[in-house]
Amino acid sequence: MSDRTANRIARILAMIPYTVEHEVATIDDLMERFGYAHRNDVVKDLQLVFLTGLPGYGPGELIDVDIFDDEVTIDSADYFSRPMRLTPAEALGLLAAASTFLASRQAPPALASAIDKLSAAVGADATDAVLFDIEAPEAVSDLREAIDSNRLVKIGYVGIASNERTERVVEGESVFFNLGNWYFSGFCRRAGADRLFRVDRIDEVAVLDELYEPSVADASSIVRYEPTPEDHVVTFTVGPASRWVSEYYPGDAEPLASGETRFTMRVSDPMVAARLLLRLGSDAHFEEGETVAAALDDLRYRIATRYA
């Protein structure tokens, strides 16, 4: 979704409850309050609202917008007349996902304040039971320092497949958290090409004095998970609404005759899969994976004790 589309949707979602609350709003008022530059833009967005509503999308479910002269009324949108109420499970799942994204250092600054507000609504104890800090290895700060100052960095790296240690001089591009691991991407002068390094396989970091011209490339968008013999394996099924899991996470997906999907994934930390299963809730059915089952039981127990 483009920024322009996202901003348009956000503005429409704010305009609907405002108009419902005031029963009647004027075009000029909506322009001023929601930052529209032209009257036609307000009308176009209101016409788009005509096509939205609850599933079923029949006459009784679609939102009714009436524009008469300069006045606007919106009916059949009572679910916009008050703030959305999340269930405890929905709130905890949202907090877990948002906190993970925030800890990756790739999230916009506004996410932190949103997490604070949601945490206050859920309760600090409940939040502590589910949320976690992605502890950054010591090397991450040195690698970030090298990238920020456009200085070469010399690393000692133990290959995942070969288990052999080599020394690399790298023009750093990014440091990021993805799929349960920290990664360092950059142009490796030894290989003469872009490379992606798992930070937990880096045993030495030295920031050099030599500068380099930074590249606009960012390997974080093309990271691929490389399984290891130490990985924890978990298998579970998900319903159609959660089929996105097989597209977002690396693993093996098997469509079932029931309409569900059996998914097998490998993770370096069983708690990563446990939190995913908790987030999916009743739409996911665990099948096998001892270490993940233990992590999931522990997570559920910690949540239950907070609510006891």
Protein backbone atom coordinates (compact mmCIF):
# COMPACT_ATOMS: atom_id res chain seq x y z
CA MET A 1 0.00 0.00 0.00
CA SER A 2 1.40 3.41 -0.97
CA ASP A 3 1.76 6.20 1.59
CA ARG A 4 -0.84 8.21 -0.33
CA THR A 5 -3.41 5.40 -0.13
CA ALA A 6 -2.67 4.75 3.56
CA ASN A 7 -3.10 8.44 4.38
CA ARG A 8 -6.37 8.57 2.46
CA ILE A 9 -7.78 5.56 4.31
CA ALA A 10 -6.69 6.98 7.67
CA ARG A 11 -8.42 10.27 6.89
CA ILE A 12 -11.64 8.55 5.83
CA LEU A 13 -11.65 6.40 8.97
CA ALA A 14 -11.31 9.54 11.08
CA MET A 15 -13.94 11.48 9.13
CA ILE A 16 -16.69 8.84 9.47
CA PRO A 17 -16.94 8.77 13.31
CA TYR A 18 -16.63 12.56 13.44
CA THR A 19 -19.60 12.98 11.10
CA VAL A 20 -21.62 10.29 12.87
CA GLU A 21 -21.01 11.93 16.26
CA HIS A 22 -22.07 15.38 15.04
CA GLU A 23 -25.02 13.99 13.03
CA VAL A 24 -24.56 16.72 10.40
CA ALA A 25 -21.28 18.14 9.12
CA THR A 26 -20.56 20.64 6.38
CA ILE A 27 -18.14 20.16 3.51
CA ASP A 28 -16.20 23.24 4.64
CA ASP A 29 -15.93 21.85 8.17
CA LEU A 30 -14.62 18.51 6.90
CA MET A 31 -12.11 20.26 4.65
CA GLU A 32 -10.73 22.33 7.51
CA ARG A 33 -10.71 19.60 10.15
CA PHE A 34 -9.18 16.86 8.01
CA GLY A 35 -6.87 18.91 5.82
CA TYR A 36 -8.53 18.64 2.43
CA ALA A 37 -7.33 21.11 -0.18
CA HIS A 38 -10.31 20.79 -2.55
CA ARG A 39 -14.04 20.20 -2.06
CA ASN A 40 -14.03 17.56 -4.79
CA ASP A 41 -11.57 15.46 -2.76
CA VAL A 42 -14.00 15.41 0.18
CA VAL A 43 -16.86 14.38 -2.09
CA LYS A 44 -14.78 11.62 -3.73
CA ASP A 45 -13.89 10.13 -0.34
CA LEU A 46 -17.49 10.31 0.83
CA GLN A 47 -18.60 8.56 -2.36
CA LEU A 48 -16.07 5.83 -1.60
CA VAL A 49 -17.68 5.34 1.82
CA PHE A 50 -20.89 4.37 -0.03
CA LEU A 51 -19.14 1.15 -1.06
CA THR A 52 -18.06 0.08 2.43
CA GLY A 53 -19.77 -1.69 5.28
CA LEU A 54 -20.05 -4.97 7.13
CA PRO A 55 -19.60 -8.39 5.46
CA GLY A 56 -22.66 -9.29 3.43
CA TYR A 57 -22.46 -5.88 1.77
CA GLY A 58 -26.19 -5.69 1.16
CA PRO A 59 -28.35 -2.58 1.53
CA GLY A 60 -28.61 -3.13 5.29
CA GLU A 61 -24.86 -3.45 5.80
CA LEU A 62 -23.46 -0.67 3.60
CA ILE A 63 -22.86 2.80 5.01
CA ASP A 64 -25.34 5.42 3.80
CA VAL A 65 -23.91 8.85 2.98
CA ASP A 66 -26.21 11.76 2.15
CA ILE A 67 -24.80 14.97 0.67
CA PHE A 68 -27.36 17.76 0.33
CA ASP A 69 -26.05 21.18 -0.69
CA ASP A 70 -23.18 21.69 1.77
CA GLU A 71 -24.40 19.29 4.47
CA VAL A 72 -23.24 15.70 5.01
CA THR A 73 -24.94 12.98 7.05
CA ILE A 74 -23.79 9.40 7.53
CA ASP A 75 -26.15 6.60 8.59
CA SER A 76 -25.83 2.83 9.12
CA ALA A 77 -22.37 3.31 10.63
CA ASP A 78 -23.13 2.87 14.31
CA TYR A 79 -20.01 0.73 14.74
CA PHE A 80 -18.03 3.94 14.08
CA SER A 81 -19.87 5.92 16.75
CA ARG A 82 -17.61 4.67 19.54
CA PRO A 83 -13.97 3.55 19.74
CA MET A 84 -13.17 -0.02 18.79
CA ARG A 85 -13.01 -2.37 21.78
CA LEU A 86 -10.39 -5.09 21.58
CA THR A 87 -10.75 -8.37 23.42
CA PRO A 88 -7.85 -9.22 25.80
CA ALA A 89 -6.56 -11.80 23.30
CA GLU A 90 -6.70 -9.31 20.42
CA ALA A 91 -4.95 -6.63 22.48
CA LEU A 92 -2.19 -8.98 23.61
CA GLY A 93 -1.66 -10.24 20.07
CA LEU A 94 -1.47 -6.69 18.76
CA LEU A 95 0.99 -5.72 21.50
CA ALA A 96 3.20 -8.71 20.78
CA ALA A 97 3.35 -7.94 17.06
CA ALA A 98 3.87 -4.20 17.56
CA SER A 99 6.55 -4.68 20.21
CA THR A 100 8.45 -7.10 18.01
CA PHE A 101 8.37 -4.66 15.10
CA LEU A 102 9.48 -1.79 17.34
CA ALA A 103 12.42 -3.78 18.65
CA SER A 104 13.57 -4.46 15.09
CA ARG A 105 14.55 -0.77 14.81
CA GLN A 106 12.67 -0.54 11.51
CA ALA A 107 9.42 0.88 12.88
CA PRO A 108 8.27 4.53 12.66
CA PRO A 109 8.68 6.56 15.89
CA ALA A 110 4.90 6.88 16.32
CA LEU A 111 4.64 3.16 17.05
CA ALA A 112 6.29 3.59 20.46
CA SER A 113 3.60 5.98 21.71
CA ALA A 114 0.87 3.72 20.31
CA ILE A 115 2.33 0.78 22.24
CA ASP A 116 2.42 2.86 25.43
CA LYS A 117 -1.27 3.72 25.07
CA LEU A 118 -2.29 0.15 24.33
CA SER A 119 -0.13 -1.16 27.18
CA ALA A 120 -1.82 1.22 29.60
CA ALA A 121 -5.23 -0.03 28.48
CA VAL A 122 -4.27 -3.70 28.80
CA GLY A 123 -2.34 -3.37 32.05
CA ALA A 124 1.39 -3.42 32.69
CA ASP A 125 1.45 -6.90 34.25
CA ALA A 126 -0.34 -8.47 31.31
CA THR A 127 1.96 -6.66 28.91
CA ASP A 128 5.08 -7.95 30.66
CA ALA A 129 3.81 -11.49 30.33
CA VAL A 130 3.75 -11.39 26.54
CA LEU A 131 6.00 -8.63 25.31
CA PHE A 132 9.72 -9.05 25.15
CA ASP A 133 12.74 -7.02 24.26
CA ILE A 134 14.78 -8.31 21.35
CA GLU A 135 18.14 -8.26 23.05
CA ALA A 136 20.67 -6.89 20.59
CA PRO A 137 24.07 -8.62 20.63
CA GLU A 138 26.98 -6.42 21.63
CA ALA A 139 28.21 -6.39 18.03
CA VAL A 140 25.07 -4.60 16.83
CA SER A 141 26.05 -1.22 18.32
CA ASP A 142 29.51 -1.39 16.72
CA LEU A 143 28.05 -2.37 13.36
CA ARG A 144 25.54 0.48 13.53
CA GLU A 145 28.32 2.90 14.43
CA ALA A 146 30.28 1.80 11.34
CA ILE A 147 27.23 2.21 9.08
CA ASP A 148 26.28 5.62 10.50
CA SER A 149 29.83 6.94 10.00
CA ASN A 150 30.35 5.22 6.58
CA ARG A 151 33.43 3.45 7.90
CA LEU A 152 34.59 0.01 6.88
CA VAL A 153 34.20 -2.75 9.43
CA LYS A 154 36.33 -5.85 9.83
CA ILE A 155 34.47 -8.89 11.13
CA GLY A 156 35.35 -12.44 12.07
CA TYR A 157 32.57 -14.65 10.71
CA VAL A 158 31.85 -18.35 11.23
CA GLY A 159 29.93 -19.70 8.24
CA ILE A 160 26.62 -21.42 8.98
CA ALA A 161 27.10 -24.25 6.50
CA SER A 162 30.89 -24.69 6.60
CA ASN A 163 31.43 -23.73 10.27
CA GLU A 164 34.72 -22.20 9.09
CA ARG A 165 35.93 -18.85 10.38
CA THR A 166 36.96 -16.16 7.92
CA GLU A 167 37.80 -12.49 8.26
CA ARG A 168 35.84 -10.04 6.12
CA VAL A 169 36.08 -6.31 5.42
CA VAL A 170 32.56 -5.04 4.78
CA GLU A 171 30.94 -1.83 3.56
CA GLY A 172 27.91 -1.95 5.85
CA GLU A 173 24.39 -1.25 4.57
CA SER A 174 22.02 -2.23 7.38
CA VAL A 175 21.59 -4.07 10.68
CA PHE A 176 18.14 -5.49 11.30
CA PHE A 177 16.12 -8.14 13.15
CA ASN A 178 14.14 -10.64 11.09
CA LEU A 179 12.63 -14.09 11.70
CA GLY A 180 14.20 -14.46 15.14
CA ASN A 181 17.75 -13.36 14.28
CA TRP A 182 19.86 -10.24 13.89
CA TYR A 183 21.44 -9.70 10.47
CA PHE A 184 24.20 -7.48 9.08
CA SER A 185 24.14 -6.75 5.35
CA GLY A 186 26.75 -5.06 3.21
CA PHE A 187 29.27 -5.31 0.40
CA CYS A 188 31.91 -7.89 1.33
CA ARG A 189 35.27 -7.00 -0.23
CA ARG A 190 36.53 -10.55 0.20
CA ALA A 191 33.64 -11.97 -1.84
CA GLY A 192 33.34 -8.95 -4.14
CA ALA A 193 29.56 -8.94 -3.74
CA ASP A 194 26.73 -8.14 -1.34
CA ARG A 195 26.50 -10.55 1.56
CA LEU A 196 24.14 -11.18 4.47
CA PHE A 197 25.69 -12.17 7.81
CA ARG A 198 23.95 -13.54 10.89
CA VAL A 199 25.17 -11.41 13.77
CA ASP A 200 25.29 -14.35 16.19
CA ARG A 201 27.93 -15.90 13.89
CA ILE A 202 30.17 -12.81 14.11
CA ASP A 203 32.81 -13.32 16.82
CA GLU A 204 34.86 -10.15 16.28
CA VAL A 205 34.10 -6.59 15.14
CA ALA A 206 36.60 -3.82 14.46
CA VAL A 207 35.48 -0.47 13.05
CA LEU A 208 38.20 0.81 10.70
CA ASP A 209 39.18 4.38 9.89
CA GLU A 210 38.74 4.01 6.12
CA LEU A 211 35.56 5.57 4.69
CA TYR A 212 33.39 4.23 1.87
CA GLU A 213 30.59 5.55 -0.33
CA PRO A 214 27.32 4.09 1.06
CA SER A 215 25.07 2.06 -1.20
CA VAL A 216 21.31 2.56 -1.46
CA ALA A 217 20.76 -1.21 -1.47
CA ASP A 218 19.23 -2.82 1.60
CA ALA A 219 19.36 -6.59 1.93
CA SER A 220 16.79 -6.56 4.73
CA SER A 221 14.03 -6.72 2.12
CA ILE A 222 15.41 -9.94 0.59
CA VAL A 223 16.47 -11.85 3.70
CA ARG A 224 16.02 -15.58 3.43
CA TYR A 225 16.07 -17.92 6.40
CA GLU A 226 18.80 -20.57 6.35
CA PRO A 227 17.84 -23.63 8.44
CA THR A 228 20.42 -25.13 10.80
CA PRO A 229 20.55 -28.51 12.59
CA GLU A 230 19.91 -26.72 15.90
CA ASP A 231 16.56 -25.28 14.75
CA HIS A 232 13.32 -26.06 16.57
CA VAL A 233 10.61 -27.54 14.33
CA VAL A 234 6.89 -26.99 14.86
CA THR A 235 3.88 -28.13 12.84
CA PHE A 236 0.40 -26.66 13.12
CA THR A 237 -2.70 -26.09 11.01
CA VAL A 238 -4.38 -22.77 10.29
CA GLY A 239 -7.74 -21.82 8.85
CA PRO A 240 -8.25 -19.74 5.70
CA ALA A 241 -8.12 -16.45 7.63
CA SER A 242 -4.57 -17.21 8.81
CA ARG A 243 -3.22 -18.66 5.56
CA TRP A 244 -1.02 -15.55 5.31
CA VAL A 245 1.36 -17.27 7.74
CA SER A 246 2.63 -19.58 4.99
CA GLU A 247 3.38 -16.56 2.79
CA TYR A 248 5.04 -14.44 5.47
CA TYR A 249 7.14 -17.06 7.27
CA PRO A 250 9.56 -19.52 5.64
CA GLY A 251 8.43 -23.11 5.92
CA ASP A 252 6.50 -25.91 4.27
CA ALA A 253 2.79 -25.43 3.58
CA GLU A 254 0.40 -28.29 2.76
CA PRO A 255 -3.19 -27.49 1.72
CA LEU A 256 -5.71 -29.87 3.33
CA ALA A 257 -9.06 -31.08 2.02
CA SER A 258 -10.76 -29.39 4.98
CA GLY A 259 -9.68 -25.99 3.67
CA GLU A 260 -7.04 -25.64 6.36
CA THR A 261 -3.31 -25.44 5.73
CA ARG A 262 -0.74 -27.54 7.56
CA PHE A 263 2.40 -25.49 8.11
CA THR A 264 5.83 -26.62 9.32
CA MET A 265 8.34 -23.96 10.27
CA ARG A 266 11.85 -23.90 11.74
CA VAL A 267 12.99 -21.30 14.25
CA SER A 268 16.17 -20.70 16.21
CA ASP A 269 14.15 -19.73 19.30
CA PRO A 270 11.01 -21.75 20.20
CA MET A 271 9.49 -18.66 21.83
CA VAL A 272 9.25 -17.02 18.37
CA ALA A 273 6.88 -19.77 17.20
CA ALA A 274 5.06 -19.81 20.56
CA ARG A 275 4.24 -16.12 20.29
CA LEU A 276 3.05 -16.61 16.72
CA LEU A 277 0.70 -19.40 17.81
CA LEU A 278 -0.60 -17.25 20.64
CA ARG A 279 -1.22 -14.43 18.19
CA LEU A 280 -3.15 -16.73 15.84
CA GLY A 281 -5.37 -17.87 18.71
CA SER A 282 -8.16 -20.35 17.96
CA ASP A 283 -7.45 -20.26 14.22
CA ALA A 284 -4.25 -22.27 14.78
CA HIS A 285 -4.17 -25.89 15.95
CA PHE A 286 -0.85 -27.20 17.26
CA GLU A 287 0.22 -30.64 16.02
CA GLU A 288 3.83 -31.31 16.99
CA GLY A 289 7.07 -29.75 18.21
CA GLU A 290 8.07 -30.48 21.83
CA THR A 291 10.20 -27.42 22.52
CA VAL A 292 7.64 -25.05 21.01
CA ALA A 293 4.84 -26.77 22.96
CA ALA A 294 6.78 -26.21 26.18
CA ALA A 295 7.38 -22.55 25.30
CA LEU A 296 3.69 -22.10 24.46
CA ASP A 297 2.60 -23.67 27.76
CA ASP A 298 4.99 -21.39 29.64
CA LEU A 299 3.68 -18.34 27.81
CA ARG A 300 0.06 -19.23 28.52
CA TYR A 301 0.84 -19.86 32.19
CA ARG A 302 2.53 -16.47 32.55
CA ILE A 303 -0.49 -14.77 30.99
CA ALA A 304 -2.94 -16.70 33.17
CA THR A 305 -1.09 -15.78 36.36
CA ARG A 306 -1.32 -12.10 35.44
CA TYR A 307 -5.11 -12.39 35.12
CA ALA A 308 -5.60 -14.62 38.17
